[in-house]
Protein backbone atom coordinates (compact mmCIF):
# COMPACT_ATOMS: atom_id res chain seq x y z
CA MET A 1 99.34 89.75 75.90
CA ALA A 2 101.48 91.34 78.58
CA THR A 3 105.13 90.51 78.97
CA ALA A 4 106.97 90.06 82.23
CA LEU A 5 108.93 92.94 83.68
CA THR A 6 112.36 91.52 84.35
CA ALA A 7 115.27 92.72 86.40
CA PRO A 8 118.88 92.13 85.50
CA PRO A 9 119.77 88.54 86.42
CA ALA A 10 120.50 88.26 90.11
CA ALA A 11 123.96 87.17 91.23
CA PRO A 12 124.18 83.40 91.82
CA ASP A 13 123.97 82.32 95.45
CA LEU A 14 127.58 81.12 95.42
CA ARG A 15 128.91 84.44 94.18
CA ASP A 16 126.81 86.31 96.74
CA ALA A 17 128.10 84.05 99.51
CA LEU A 18 131.70 84.61 98.42
CA ARG A 19 131.16 88.37 98.40
CA ARG A 20 129.83 88.24 101.95
CA VAL A 21 132.86 86.25 103.08
CA TRP A 22 135.13 88.84 101.45
CA PHE A 23 133.24 91.80 102.91
CA GLY A 24 133.38 90.24 106.37
CA SER A 25 137.08 89.40 106.25
CA ALA A 26 139.72 91.24 108.27
CA PHE A 27 141.30 92.46 105.02
CA TYR A 28 138.25 94.16 103.46
CA PRO A 29 138.43 97.33 105.63
CA LEU A 30 141.88 97.93 104.11
CA PHE A 31 140.26 98.18 100.68
CA LEU A 32 137.78 100.75 101.97
CA ARG A 33 140.50 103.07 103.18
CA THR A 34 140.79 106.25 101.19
CA ARG A 35 142.06 109.73 101.73
CA PRO A 36 139.08 111.73 103.02
CA PRO A 37 138.01 114.53 100.68
CA GLY A 38 139.36 117.90 101.70
CA ALA A 39 136.12 119.76 101.06
CA PHE A 40 132.44 119.11 101.79
CA PHE A 41 129.47 120.67 100.03
CA ALA A 42 126.23 121.02 101.98
CA VAL A 43 123.69 119.45 99.62
CA ALA A 44 120.09 120.75 99.72
CA PRO A 45 118.56 119.94 103.15
CA ASP A 46 116.02 117.15 103.53
CA PRO A 47 112.53 118.66 102.99
CA TRP A 48 110.32 115.84 104.24
CA PRO A 49 108.50 116.20 107.59
CA GLY A 50 109.41 114.21 110.67
CA ASP A 51 107.26 112.69 113.40
CA PRO A 52 107.43 114.64 116.70
CA ALA A 53 105.84 111.74 118.61
CA ARG A 54 108.60 109.39 117.53
CA ALA A 55 111.13 112.10 118.44
CA ASP A 56 109.81 112.06 122.01
CA SER A 57 110.46 108.32 122.16
CA LEU A 58 113.95 108.76 120.73
CA LEU A 59 114.79 111.42 123.30
CA ALA A 60 113.60 108.96 125.95
CA GLY A 61 115.99 106.34 124.59
CA GLN A 62 113.49 104.22 122.61
CA PHE A 63 113.20 103.67 118.85
CA ASN A 64 109.78 102.72 117.48
CA THR A 65 109.32 101.11 114.07
CA HIS A 66 107.20 98.36 112.52
CA GLY A 67 105.08 98.28 115.65
CA ARG A 68 107.98 97.49 117.99
CA SER A 69 110.04 99.59 120.38
CA GLY A 70 113.61 98.96 121.50
CA PRO A 71 116.34 100.77 123.42
CA ILE A 72 119.01 102.72 121.57
CA GLU A 73 121.44 103.17 124.44
CA GLY A 74 124.85 101.54 124.43
CA ASP A 75 125.64 99.86 121.10
CA PRO A 76 122.30 99.00 119.44
CA TRP A 77 123.58 99.01 115.84
CA GLN A 78 124.28 95.28 115.56
CA CYS A 79 122.29 93.93 118.48
CA ALA A 80 121.99 90.17 117.99
CA ASP A 81 118.64 90.00 119.79
CA ALA A 82 116.97 92.70 117.67
CA ASP A 83 114.58 91.89 114.85
CA PRO A 84 116.32 92.43 111.47
CA LEU A 85 113.60 94.82 110.28
CA TRP A 86 113.90 96.94 113.43
CA LEU A 87 117.68 96.92 113.17
CA ALA A 88 117.66 97.93 109.50
CA GLU A 89 115.39 100.91 110.18
CA LEU A 90 117.58 102.04 113.07
CA ASN A 91 120.71 101.90 110.90
CA LYS A 92 119.06 103.88 108.09
CA PHE A 93 118.94 107.02 110.26
CA GLU A 94 115.71 108.21 108.62
CA TRP A 95 114.64 109.10 112.17
CA LEU A 96 116.94 112.12 111.97
CA ARG A 97 113.90 113.89 110.50
CA ASP A 98 112.01 113.23 113.70
CA LEU A 99 114.73 114.73 115.91
CA ARG A 100 115.15 117.67 113.54
CA ASP A 101 111.45 118.55 113.85
CA ALA A 102 111.27 117.88 117.60
CA GLY A 103 111.77 121.53 118.50
CA GLN A 104 113.92 120.59 121.50
CA PRO A 105 117.45 121.98 122.02
CA LEU A 106 118.93 118.59 122.94
CA ALA A 107 117.70 116.88 119.76
CA ALA A 108 120.66 118.03 117.65
CA ASN A 109 123.11 116.96 120.33
CA MET A 110 121.56 113.51 120.47
CA ALA A 111 121.51 113.21 116.66
CA ALA A 112 125.19 114.10 116.29
CA ALA A 113 126.13 111.81 119.18
CA LYS A 114 124.33 108.87 117.56
CA VAL A 115 126.11 109.46 114.25
CA ASP A 116 129.42 109.51 116.11
CA GLU A 117 128.44 106.33 117.94
CA TRP A 118 127.64 104.60 114.67
CA ILE A 119 130.97 105.62 113.10
CA ALA A 120 132.91 104.29 116.09
CA ALA A 121 130.93 101.04 116.30
CA ASN A 122 130.94 100.18 112.57
CA PRO A 123 134.47 100.35 111.17
CA ARG A 124 133.88 96.99 109.45
CA TRP A 125 131.18 95.54 107.21
CA SER A 126 128.20 93.80 108.80
CA PRO A 127 125.21 92.17 107.05
CA ILE A 128 122.50 94.66 108.05
CA ALA A 129 124.25 97.95 108.83
CA TRP A 130 126.15 97.82 105.50
CA ARG A 131 123.34 96.34 103.41
CA VAL A 132 122.82 98.36 100.24
CA ASP A 133 119.38 99.79 101.04
CA VAL A 134 120.38 100.61 104.62
CA LEU A 135 123.68 102.21 103.63
CA SER A 136 122.02 104.20 100.82
CA ALA A 137 119.42 105.69 103.15
CA ARG A 138 121.97 106.45 105.86
CA VAL A 139 124.48 108.40 103.78
CA VAL A 140 121.70 110.50 102.24
CA MET A 141 120.27 111.31 105.66
CA TRP A 142 123.66 112.26 107.09
CA ILE A 143 124.48 114.56 104.19
CA ARG A 144 121.09 116.26 103.92
CA HIS A 145 120.97 116.79 107.70
CA TYR A 146 124.53 118.07 107.94
CA ASP A 147 123.62 121.56 109.17
CA PHE A 148 121.32 120.09 111.84
CA LEU A 149 123.99 117.60 112.95
CA ALA A 150 126.75 120.19 112.99
CA SER A 151 124.69 122.43 115.29
CA GLY A 152 124.88 119.78 118.02
CA ALA A 153 128.25 118.17 117.27
CA THR A 154 131.50 118.07 119.17
CA GLU A 155 134.89 119.14 117.85
CA GLY A 156 136.18 117.15 114.88
CA PHE A 157 132.73 115.85 113.93
CA ALA A 158 132.93 117.05 110.30
CA ALA A 159 136.20 115.20 109.70
CA ARG A 160 134.85 111.98 111.21
CA LEU A 161 131.65 112.23 109.18
CA VAL A 162 133.44 112.86 105.88
CA ALA A 163 135.89 110.00 106.45
CA SER A 164 133.05 107.56 107.14
CA LEU A 165 131.05 108.79 104.14
CA ALA A 166 134.07 108.23 101.89
CA GLN A 167 134.42 104.62 103.10
CA GLN A 168 130.71 103.92 102.71
CA ARG A 169 130.78 105.42 99.20
CA ARG A 170 133.58 103.02 98.21
CA HIS A 171 131.55 100.07 99.46
CA LEU A 172 128.40 101.33 97.73
CA GLU A 173 130.24 101.33 94.41
CA ARG A 174 130.79 97.58 94.81
CA LEU A 175 127.05 97.04 95.28
CA ILE A 176 125.71 98.82 92.17
CA PRO A 177 123.99 97.33 90.28
CA GLY A 178 124.69 93.95 91.92
CA GLY A 179 121.28 92.51 91.05
CA LEU A 180 119.44 95.64 92.16
CA ALA A 181 116.49 96.81 90.08
CA GLY A 182 113.56 99.19 90.15
CA ALA A 183 113.10 101.54 93.09
CA ARG A 184 115.90 99.81 95.05
CA LEU A 185 118.37 100.51 92.27
CA LEU A 186 117.17 104.11 92.10
CA ALA A 187 117.70 104.58 95.86
CA ALA A 188 121.28 103.27 95.61
CA MET A 189 122.05 105.48 92.61
CA LYS A 190 120.54 108.47 94.38
CA ALA A 191 122.86 107.85 97.32
CA ALA A 192 125.90 107.64 95.02
CA VAL A 193 124.99 110.90 93.29
CA ILE A 194 124.38 112.77 96.57
CA VAL A 195 127.68 111.62 98.11
CA ASP A 196 129.50 112.57 94.91
CA LEU A 197 127.81 115.98 94.99
CA ALA A 198 128.92 116.48 98.58
CA PHE A 199 132.54 115.89 97.50
CA ILE A 200 132.67 117.75 94.16
CA LYS A 201 134.63 120.67 95.59
CA ALA A 202 137.39 118.31 96.73
CA GLY A 203 138.96 117.99 93.28
CA PRO A 204 138.65 116.72 89.68
CA ALA A 205 138.49 113.06 90.70
CA HIS A 206 135.23 113.64 92.56
CA GLU A 207 133.85 115.65 89.63
CA ARG A 208 134.54 112.69 87.35
CA ALA A 209 132.90 110.34 89.87
CA LEU A 210 129.77 112.49 89.77
CA GLU A 211 129.73 112.45 85.96
CA ARG A 212 129.96 108.64 85.97
CA SER A 213 127.16 108.36 88.53
CA LEU A 214 124.88 110.66 86.52
CA ALA A 215 125.59 108.78 83.29
CA ARG A 216 124.76 105.48 84.99
CA LEU A 217 121.58 106.97 86.43
CA SER A 218 120.49 108.29 83.04
CA ARG A 219 120.93 104.87 81.43
CA ALA A 220 119.00 103.11 84.20
CA LEU A 221 115.99 105.43 84.43
CA ALA A 222 114.18 103.88 81.46
CA ARG A 223 114.30 100.48 83.21
CA ILE A 224 113.21 101.91 86.55
CA VAL A 225 110.42 104.21 85.34
CA LEU A 226 108.65 102.48 82.47
CA ASP A 227 107.40 104.41 79.48
CA ASP A 228 103.88 104.62 80.93
CA GLY A 229 105.26 105.95 84.23
CA THR A 230 104.94 102.76 86.31
CA ILE A 231 107.85 101.94 88.60
CA ALA A 232 109.15 98.50 87.67
CA GLU A 233 108.02 96.80 90.93
CA ARG A 234 104.38 97.55 89.98
CA SER A 235 103.74 98.79 93.53
CA PRO A 236 101.93 102.05 94.41
CA ARG A 237 104.07 102.37 97.53
CA ARG A 238 107.26 102.00 95.47
CA GLN A 239 105.78 104.48 93.02
CA PHE A 240 105.61 107.03 95.84
CA THR A 241 109.07 106.35 97.26
CA ALA A 242 110.68 106.38 93.82
CA LEU A 243 109.05 109.69 92.94
CA ARG A 244 110.39 111.18 96.17
CA ASP A 245 113.86 109.93 95.28
CA LEU A 246 113.62 111.47 91.83
CA VAL A 247 112.53 114.81 93.30
CA ASP A 248 115.35 114.63 95.87
CA LEU A 249 117.89 114.01 93.11
CA ARG A 250 116.70 117.02 91.14
CA ALA A 251 116.74 119.28 94.21
CA SER A 252 120.22 118.12 95.21
CA LEU A 253 121.59 118.77 91.73
CA LEU A 254 119.99 122.19 91.56
CA SER A 255 121.56 123.11 94.91
CA ALA A 256 124.94 122.63 93.21
CA ASP A 257 123.83 124.50 90.07
CA ARG A 258 123.57 121.24 88.13
CA THR A 259 120.61 120.37 85.96
CA GLY A 260 121.14 116.63 85.76
CA PRO A 261 120.37 114.45 82.74
CA PRO A 262 117.23 115.28 80.68
CA THR A 263 115.97 111.78 81.45
CA LEU A 264 115.55 112.78 85.11
CA GLN A 265 112.87 115.42 84.51
CA ALA A 266 111.13 113.16 82.01
CA ALA A 267 111.06 110.35 84.59
CA ILE A 268 109.58 112.72 87.22
CA GLU A 269 106.78 113.72 84.88
CA ARG A 270 105.95 110.12 83.96
CA ALA A 271 106.09 108.87 87.54
CA ALA A 272 103.97 111.75 88.86
CA GLY A 273 101.12 111.00 86.46
CA MET A 274 101.20 107.33 87.43
CA LEU A 275 101.20 108.13 91.17
CA ARG A 276 97.99 110.09 90.57
CA PHE A 277 96.65 107.03 88.70
CA PHE A 278 97.03 104.94 91.87
CA ARG A 279 95.10 107.36 94.13
CA HIS A 280 91.53 106.83 95.24
CA GLY A 281 89.19 109.71 95.96
CA ASP A 282 90.33 109.85 99.60
CA GLY A 283 93.84 110.74 98.42
CA GLY A 284 95.37 107.41 99.48
CA LEU A 285 96.89 104.71 97.30
CA ALA A 286 95.43 101.48 95.99
CA CYS A 287 96.63 98.38 97.86
CA PHE A 288 98.56 96.30 95.34
CA ASN A 289 101.94 94.56 95.65
CA GLY A 290 103.11 95.47 99.12
CA SER A 291 101.24 98.76 99.36
CA ASP A 292 98.97 100.33 101.92
CA GLU A 293 97.04 103.57 101.54
CA GLY A 294 99.99 105.71 102.60
CA ASP A 295 99.80 109.25 103.96
CA ALA A 296 97.62 111.41 101.71
CA ALA A 297 99.29 114.61 102.94
CA LEU A 298 102.75 113.27 102.11
CA ILE A 299 101.54 112.14 98.69
CA ASP A 300 100.17 115.65 98.09
CA LEU A 301 103.51 117.10 99.16
CA ALA A 302 105.50 114.81 96.87
CA LEU A 303 103.31 115.65 93.88
CA ALA A 304 103.48 119.38 94.65
CA ARG A 305 107.28 119.22 94.73
CA THR A 306 107.39 117.66 91.27
CA GLY A 307 106.14 120.96 89.84
CA THR A 308 104.16 119.01 87.24
CA THR A 309 100.45 118.82 86.56
CA ALA A 310 100.65 115.52 84.70
CA LYS A 311 97.21 113.90 84.67
CA PRO A 312 96.77 110.22 85.47
CA PRO A 313 96.64 108.03 82.37
CA LYS A 314 93.55 105.91 81.73
CA GLU A 315 95.66 102.79 81.49
CA ALA A 316 99.23 101.64 82.03
CA PRO A 317 99.72 98.84 79.49
CA ARG A 318 103.43 98.42 80.19
CA GLY A 319 103.02 98.42 83.94
CA GLY A 320 99.88 96.32 83.72
CA PHE A 321 97.12 98.39 85.35
CA GLN A 322 93.75 99.74 84.22
CA ARG A 323 91.64 102.55 85.65
CA LEU A 324 87.93 103.06 85.00
CA ALA A 325 86.24 106.24 86.19
CA SER A 326 82.58 107.23 85.70
CA GLY A 327 80.64 109.66 87.86
CA ALA A 328 81.91 109.25 91.42
CA ALA A 329 83.00 105.65 90.80
CA GLN A 330 86.56 104.54 90.24
CA ILE A 331 88.05 101.12 89.58
CA ILE A 332 91.77 100.34 89.69
CA ALA A 333 92.67 96.85 88.45
CA ASP A 334 95.85 94.77 88.34
CA THR A 335 95.97 93.54 84.75
CA GLY A 336 99.64 92.70 84.27
CA VAL A 337 102.19 89.94 84.65
CA PRO A 338 103.79 90.01 88.12
CA PRO A 339 107.18 91.73 88.15
CA GLY A 340 110.21 89.62 87.30
CA ARG A 341 112.91 88.23 89.56
CA GLY A 342 114.63 90.89 91.59
CA LEU A 343 111.51 93.09 91.47
CA ASP A 344 109.08 90.68 93.13
CA LEU A 345 110.22 90.50 96.76
CA GLU A 346 107.07 92.36 97.84
CA ALA A 347 104.85 91.35 94.91
CA HIS A 348 101.43 89.81 95.60
CA ALA A 349 99.62 86.96 93.90
CA GLY A 350 96.74 89.32 93.10
CA THR A 351 96.53 89.14 89.32
CA LEU A 352 93.16 90.50 88.01
CA SER A 353 92.20 91.86 91.43
CA PHE A 354 90.54 95.26 91.59
CA GLU A 355 89.52 98.01 94.00
CA PHE A 356 86.31 100.05 93.75
CA SER A 357 85.68 103.42 95.38
CA LEU A 358 82.88 105.99 95.33
CA GLY A 359 84.13 109.53 95.80
CA SER A 360 86.17 109.54 98.99
CA GLU A 361 84.75 106.20 100.20
CA ARG A 362 86.40 102.87 99.49
CA MET A 363 84.03 100.00 98.99
CA ILE A 364 85.80 96.96 97.48
CA VAL A 365 89.47 96.68 98.45
CA ASN A 366 92.42 94.35 98.62
CA CYS A 367 93.54 93.48 102.15
CA GLY A 368 96.74 95.56 101.96
CA ALA A 369 100.24 94.79 103.18
CA TYR A 370 101.57 94.05 106.64
CA ALA A 371 104.41 96.35 107.73
CA GLY A 372 105.01 94.72 111.11
CA LEU A 373 107.56 92.20 112.22
CA ALA A 374 105.46 89.00 112.01
CA ALA A 375 106.63 87.15 108.88
CA GLU A 376 103.49 84.99 108.66
CA TRP A 377 101.28 88.08 108.31
CA ARG A 378 103.53 89.49 105.58
CA SER A 379 103.18 86.26 103.61
CA THR A 380 99.43 85.88 104.17
CA MET A 381 98.70 89.35 102.82
CA ARG A 382 100.45 88.33 99.56
CA TYR A 383 98.07 85.40 98.94
CA THR A 384 95.49 85.51 96.17
CA ALA A 385 92.75 85.07 98.79
CA ALA A 386 93.71 88.48 100.27
CA HIS A 387 92.64 90.15 97.03
CA SER A 388 89.33 90.90 95.35
CA THR A 389 89.53 88.31 92.60
CA ALA A 390 88.81 84.63 91.97
CA VAL A 391 90.66 81.79 93.71
CA VAL A 392 90.68 78.12 92.67
CA ASP A 393 90.93 75.48 95.38
CA ASP A 394 92.56 77.97 97.80
CA THR A 395 95.63 77.97 95.54
CA ASN A 396 97.58 81.12 94.80
CA SER A 397 97.77 82.26 91.18
CA SER A 398 101.52 82.73 91.79
CA GLU A 399 103.44 80.68 94.34
CA VAL A 400 104.40 82.95 97.25
CA MET A 401 107.77 82.21 98.82
CA PRO A 402 108.02 83.37 102.47
CA ASP A 403 109.81 86.76 102.52
CA GLY A 404 110.96 86.02 99.00
CA PRO A 405 110.02 86.12 95.33
CA LEU A 406 107.02 84.76 93.47
CA GLU A 407 107.45 81.40 91.80
CA HIS A 408 105.48 80.08 88.80
CA PRO A 409 103.59 83.35 88.13
CA PRO A 410 101.14 83.65 85.23
CA SER A 411 103.11 83.83 82.00
CA ASN A 412 100.23 85.19 79.93
CA VAL A 413 98.07 88.06 81.16
CA ALA A 414 95.85 89.79 78.62
CA ALA A 415 93.93 93.05 78.97
CA LYS A 416 91.66 94.80 76.49
CA ARG A 417 89.84 98.05 77.18
CA PHE A 418 86.62 99.24 75.55
CA GLU A 419 84.40 102.32 75.73
CA ARG A 420 80.96 102.77 74.17
CA ASP A 421 78.25 105.33 74.86
CA GLY A 422 79.99 106.38 78.05
CA ALA A 423 80.21 102.85 79.46
CA LEU A 424 83.64 101.35 80.14
CA TRP A 425 84.65 97.72 80.30
CA LEU A 426 87.66 95.45 80.48
CA GLU A 427 88.26 91.95 79.15
CA LEU A 428 91.03 90.28 81.14
CA SER A 429 92.64 86.86 81.53
CA HIS A 430 95.55 85.07 83.18
CA ASP A 431 96.88 81.51 83.12
CA GLY A 432 98.28 81.19 86.64
CA TRP A 433 96.44 77.89 87.27
CA ARG A 434 97.08 76.37 83.85
CA SER A 435 99.97 74.11 84.87
CA LEU A 436 98.19 72.82 87.98
CA PHE A 437 94.57 72.55 86.84
CA GLY A 438 94.52 73.38 83.15
CA ILE A 439 92.48 76.50 84.01
CA VAL A 440 92.52 80.01 82.56
CA HIS A 441 90.78 82.78 84.51
CA LYS A 442 88.88 85.26 82.34
CA ARG A 443 87.33 88.33 83.92
CA ARG A 444 85.06 91.02 82.50
CA LEU A 445 84.40 94.29 84.31
CA TRP A 446 81.77 96.76 83.06
CA LEU A 447 81.07 100.19 84.58
CA ALA A 448 77.96 102.20 83.68
CA PRO A 449 78.29 105.78 82.40
CA ASP A 450 76.97 107.20 85.68
CA GLY A 451 79.08 104.87 87.83
CA ALA A 452 75.98 103.45 89.52
CA ASP A 453 76.25 99.93 88.09
CA LEU A 454 79.29 97.62 88.17
CA ARG A 455 78.94 94.25 86.49
CA GLY A 456 81.39 91.43 86.22
CA GLU A 457 81.83 87.95 84.85
CA ASP A 458 84.47 85.45 85.97
CA THR A 459 85.05 82.39 83.82
CA LEU A 460 87.24 79.49 84.94
CA SER A 461 87.75 77.09 82.06
CA GLY A 462 90.29 75.33 79.91
CA PRO A 463 92.51 77.40 77.59
CA ASP A 464 91.21 78.21 74.11
CA GLY A 465 87.99 76.31 74.70
CA LYS A 466 89.82 73.08 75.55
CA ARG A 467 88.77 70.96 78.46
CA MET A 468 90.40 71.37 81.85
CA LYS A 469 92.44 68.64 83.45
CA LYS A 470 90.20 65.90 84.80
CA THR A 471 91.52 66.55 88.30
CA ALA A 472 90.15 70.12 88.18
CA SER A 473 86.50 69.10 88.01
CA GLY A 474 84.84 69.28 91.42
CA ARG A 475 87.39 71.64 92.91
CA LYS A 476 85.99 74.64 94.73
CA PHE A 477 86.24 78.22 93.56
CA THR A 478 85.69 81.48 95.41
CA VAL A 479 85.21 84.94 93.96
CA ARG A 480 86.07 87.40 96.74
CA PHE A 481 85.02 91.01 97.26
CA HIS A 482 86.88 92.31 100.31
CA LEU A 483 85.07 95.29 101.82
CA HIS A 484 86.63 98.27 103.52
CA PRO A 485 86.17 98.02 107.31
CA ASP A 486 83.96 101.12 107.33
CA VAL A 487 81.53 99.36 104.95
CA LYS A 488 78.69 97.24 106.33
CA ALA A 489 77.20 94.23 104.52
CA SER A 490 74.34 91.81 105.06
CA LEU A 491 72.70 88.99 103.16
CA ALA A 492 69.18 89.58 101.84
CA GLN A 493 66.37 87.61 100.22
CA SER A 494 67.45 84.38 101.95
CA GLY A 495 70.94 84.68 100.50
CA ALA A 496 69.86 85.48 96.96
CA SER A 497 71.48 88.93 97.20
CA ALA A 498 73.54 91.06 99.55
CA LEU A 499 73.25 94.67 100.67
CA VAL A 500 76.24 96.93 101.17
CA ARG A 501 76.12 100.27 102.98
CA LEU A 502 78.85 102.90 102.85
CA PRO A 503 79.57 105.28 105.77
CA SER A 504 77.71 108.05 103.93
CA GLY A 505 74.60 105.88 103.91
CA GLN A 506 74.80 105.10 100.19
CA GLY A 507 73.56 101.58 99.51
CA TRP A 508 74.55 98.93 96.93
CA ARG A 509 73.06 95.55 96.12
CA LEU A 510 74.99 92.48 94.94
CA ARG A 511 73.29 89.88 92.78
CA ALA A 512 74.99 86.88 91.23
CA SER A 513 74.50 83.67 89.25
CA GLY A 514 76.78 80.67 88.92
CA GLY A 515 77.83 80.81 92.59
CA THR A 516 76.33 81.02 96.05
CA ILE A 517 76.51 84.40 97.78
CA GLY A 518 78.02 84.35 101.25
CA LEU A 519 79.35 86.73 103.87
CA ALA A 520 82.66 86.00 105.62
CA GLU A 521 85.18 87.69 107.86
CA SER A 522 88.18 89.52 106.45
CA VAL A 523 90.96 91.84 107.61
CA TYR A 524 92.27 95.15 106.33
CA LEU A 525 95.81 96.45 106.69
CA GLY A 526 95.55 99.34 104.30
CA ASP A 527 95.84 102.15 106.82
CA GLY A 528 99.07 101.35 108.61
CA LEU A 529 100.07 98.75 111.18
CA ARG A 530 96.53 98.25 112.47
CA ILE A 531 94.94 94.91 111.63
CA ARG A 532 91.31 95.93 111.27
CA ARG A 533 88.37 93.56 111.19
CA ALA A 534 86.39 93.70 107.96
CA ALA A 535 83.95 91.63 105.93
CA GLN A 536 84.04 90.06 102.50
CA LEU A 537 81.30 89.00 100.15
CA VAL A 538 82.08 85.67 98.50
CA LEU A 539 80.66 83.73 95.58
CA THR A 540 81.40 80.04 95.97
CA GLY A 541 80.81 76.86 94.03
CA ALA A 542 82.44 73.83 92.46
CA LEU A 543 83.98 73.51 89.02
CA GLY A 544 82.06 71.35 86.59
CA PRO A 545 83.55 69.40 83.68
CA ASP A 546 83.65 72.61 81.65
CA GLY A 547 84.66 74.86 84.53
CA ALA A 548 82.44 77.64 85.83
CA LYS A 549 81.00 80.97 84.78
CA ILE A 550 80.04 83.37 87.55
CA LYS A 551 78.13 86.56 86.77
CA TRP A 552 77.68 89.29 89.33
CA ALA A 553 76.52 92.90 89.59
CA PHE A 554 76.78 95.68 92.19
CA THR A 555 73.99 98.20 91.68
CA ARG A 556 73.44 101.39 93.63
CA VAL A 557 70.22 101.34 95.64
CA GLU A 558 68.28 104.59 95.63
CA GLY A 559 66.99 105.74 98.99
């Protein structure tokens, strides 16, 4: 039985509201005042590539993010008409990478001018510009792009930058941990360490601040990077961003001739192996819990910079994932309890869903995650129906709160792994529908030694052999297999089976019992902001007095 991954208890709403009132008061800026450090250390430059196309837009006065473009002239930093997601990305300054790599002489001038604009326009706290994730990203980008900024700056820029960084560092200290957990906590701690590193030559007080930040980081790493390497949010995308942050921390410390705590290198090695676990044969990531495929080249770069050759584990029992690989076939399955409160803001109700790929071709997928500004799409992609698993009565296995946490998730998720004569199989279960319908979902997945035969069985029945609630009988169920948009499918034999064809021409046949095979429309958001049309194979039916048992098999078709 898996146990829930829990974050530290979040601050009560009342306390959070009082903090916001205090931060927004006319008196709070007085508490941020501090004597600016008298020395600044140029921490290791940012090594990650920028986007020249986005730089062209920036130089033309437009900022593009989440599928939307907006002007950055005047004072855009707290624009009331701007979407909060757009505004947060603008205030993070991660677009400095784009200007840095633009290869245009005016890019550095524009970058330094925008930093100066921000400093002048934001002497006081505001909800988005000073939010912990936004502030953490911004101070890191300013420090690691210092040489680039200084090359285009006006007189006195360094003093203005250092004074603002000192104020933002004081505010950041009030936000850690503050209910933060997982990759978000790591990003905030990374920012604290990098600012402290930038100030270490300013005196003993800043040296002590760095020691405190490193000690806090060392204590937190075991909660952020679990012992099997999974990042606590159980998200492949967060796995990637957290590994980058860990690598950045190590590089920044080494630039100051510091080694950092031993727990840092150990966390890098664990997280690198688990990032490899989440990759399909095309180099992209599996689409669980707010993740899309990501950029395979960037993933390669992040793994190369770890300096480790850690192999992917077969399973991640603490994180709650299983991986089956035979021949060219690979299955990645979500077999764990959803992450706990504070870690579940992007979590999906996809318990027991799986993805299936053949070499570099994805066949069965989850629908992915929406990165655009439309809130309804972000919520819809979190539903159980957007995943390759069973759904009862169109009801999510965890209640999805709009742009918020999961409520009433499964409390018991079990996973057992077996191997015999080269064949691999999983026996899985979750109780997400137990309180509503008295139903436990049991799933078996079996993969042949050559990877040419995938068989499954989904059972929807009462717990421990007991009968379901009377109100459950007659309700509809659907077992969904979302197909990658490059995969074609058709019904065959008057609906008794279905044929699936991969882009390479490889064919697979689906047969099933206990449910009617159908073909329906789907969408795929795994490769960025595009909403791509796709198909899904569905097995449908009604629950009887004892529930339902649906058996199915995908078999490779020769020729």
